Amino acid sequence: MSAFGPSSDIEKAIKTIGKSNLLEIARSGCLGLHEGEKVLKI
């Protein structure tokens, strides 16, 4: 299962699933995904 959105939504999803049913959680912060040849480089 993947969940994304504001932290409050993620916390609600974790509470709904129940911590005993979770195998792994990875949280990243802001993230941008791109598909194709044009990419923003900083």
N, C-alpha and C. Protein backbone atom coordinates (compact mmCIF):
# COMPACT_ATOMS: atom_id res chain seq x y z
N MET A 1 0.84 -1.17 0.00
CA MET A 1 0.00 0.00 0.00
C MET A 1 0.89 1.24 0.00
N SER A 2 0.53 2.22 -0.75
CA SER A 2 1.20 3.51 -0.74
C SER A 2 0.23 4.56 -0.26
N ALA A 3 0.71 5.51 0.47
CA ALA A 3 -0.11 6.63 0.92
C ALA A 3 0.68 7.90 0.70
N PHE A 4 0.00 8.92 0.26
CA PHE A 4 0.67 10.19 0.05
C PHE A 4 -0.30 11.31 0.34
N GLY A 5 0.24 12.45 0.72
CA GLY A 5 -0.57 13.61 1.05
C GLY A 5 0.00 14.29 2.27
N PRO A 6 -0.79 15.18 2.87
CA PRO A 6 -0.32 15.88 4.06
C PRO A 6 -0.05 14.91 5.21
N SER A 7 0.82 15.31 6.12
CA SER A 7 1.18 14.46 7.26
C SER A 7 -0.04 14.00 8.03
N SER A 8 -1.04 14.86 8.16
CA SER A 8 -2.25 14.48 8.90
C SER A 8 -2.95 13.29 8.24
N ASP A 9 -2.97 13.25 6.91
CA ASP A 9 -3.59 12.12 6.20
C ASP A 9 -2.79 10.84 6.41
N ILE A 10 -1.46 10.96 6.42
CA ILE A 10 -0.61 9.79 6.63
C ILE A 10 -0.82 9.25 8.04
N GLU A 11 -0.90 10.12 9.03
CA GLU A 11 -1.13 9.70 10.41
C GLU A 11 -2.47 8.98 10.53
N LYS A 12 -3.51 9.47 9.86
CA LYS A 12 -4.82 8.82 9.88
C LYS A 12 -4.73 7.43 9.26
N ALA A 13 -3.98 7.30 8.16
CA ALA A 13 -3.83 6.00 7.50
C ALA A 13 -3.12 5.01 8.42
N ILE A 14 -2.09 5.47 9.12
CA ILE A 14 -1.36 4.59 10.05
C ILE A 14 -2.27 4.13 11.18
N LYS A 15 -3.07 5.04 11.72
CA LYS A 15 -4.00 4.68 12.80
C LYS A 15 -5.05 3.71 12.30
N THR A 16 -5.54 3.89 11.07
CA THR A 16 -6.55 3.00 10.51
C THR A 16 -6.01 1.59 10.30
N ILE A 17 -4.80 1.50 9.77
CA ILE A 17 -4.18 0.20 9.51
C ILE A 17 -3.83 -0.49 10.82
N GLY A 18 -3.35 0.26 11.77
CA GLY A 18 -2.91 -0.31 13.04
C GLY A 18 -1.43 -0.61 12.97
N LYS A 19 -0.69 -0.11 13.95
CA LYS A 19 0.77 -0.25 13.92
C LYS A 19 1.22 -1.71 13.95
N SER A 20 0.43 -2.59 14.55
CA SER A 20 0.83 -4.00 14.62
C SER A 20 0.76 -4.68 13.25
N ASN A 21 0.03 -4.09 12.30
CA ASN A 21 -0.09 -4.66 10.96
C ASN A 21 0.93 -4.09 9.98
N LEU A 22 1.71 -3.10 10.40
CA LEU A 22 2.68 -2.47 9.51
C LEU A 22 4.00 -3.22 9.52
N LEU A 23 4.59 -3.40 8.36
CA LEU A 23 5.91 -4.01 8.26
C LEU A 23 6.99 -2.95 8.12
N GLU A 24 6.70 -1.89 7.40
CA GLU A 24 7.72 -0.87 7.14
C GLU A 24 7.05 0.45 6.79
N ILE A 25 7.65 1.52 7.28
CA ILE A 25 7.19 2.87 6.93
C ILE A 25 8.41 3.67 6.48
N ALA A 26 8.30 4.34 5.36
CA ALA A 26 9.36 5.24 4.89
C ALA A 26 8.69 6.57 4.57
N ARG A 27 9.19 7.62 5.17
CA ARG A 27 8.64 8.94 4.90
C ARG A 27 9.72 9.81 4.29
N SER A 28 9.41 10.53 3.27
CA SER A 28 10.40 11.38 2.59
C SER A 28 10.17 12.85 2.74
N GLY A 29 9.53 13.58 2.85
CA GLY A 29 9.34 15.01 2.78
C GLY A 29 8.89 15.35 1.38
N CYS A 30 9.22 16.50 0.95
CA CYS A 30 8.83 16.92 -0.41
C CYS A 30 9.58 16.09 -1.44
N LEU A 31 8.89 15.72 -2.48
CA LEU A 31 9.47 14.83 -3.48
C LEU A 31 8.89 15.19 -4.84
N GLY A 32 9.73 15.25 -5.84
CA GLY A 32 9.27 15.51 -7.20
C GLY A 32 9.64 14.35 -8.11
N LEU A 33 8.71 13.92 -8.91
CA LEU A 33 8.95 12.83 -9.86
C LEU A 33 8.75 13.36 -11.27
N HIS A 34 9.57 12.89 -12.18
CA HIS A 34 9.46 13.35 -13.56
C HIS A 34 9.66 12.19 -14.51
N GLU A 35 8.92 12.20 -15.58
CA GLU A 35 9.06 11.17 -16.61
C GLU A 35 9.36 11.88 -17.93
N GLY A 36 10.39 11.45 -18.60
CA GLY A 36 10.74 12.06 -19.88
C GLY A 36 12.16 12.59 -19.88
N GLU A 37 12.52 13.30 -20.94
CA GLU A 37 13.88 13.76 -21.11
C GLU A 37 14.18 15.10 -20.43
N LYS A 38 13.19 15.98 -20.31
CA LYS A 38 13.43 17.30 -19.73
C LYS A 38 13.40 17.19 -18.21
N VAL A 39 14.46 17.68 -17.58
CA VAL A 39 14.58 17.59 -16.14
C VAL A 39 15.10 18.92 -15.60
N LEU A 40 14.60 19.33 -14.46
CA LEU A 40 15.12 20.53 -13.79
C LEU A 40 16.37 20.15 -13.02
N LYS A 41 17.48 20.81 -13.30
CA LYS A 41 18.72 20.55 -12.59
C LYS A 41 19.11 21.78 -11.80
N ILE A 42 19.46 21.57 -10.55
CA ILE A 42 19.84 22.70 -9.68
C ILE A 42 21.31 22.61 -9.38
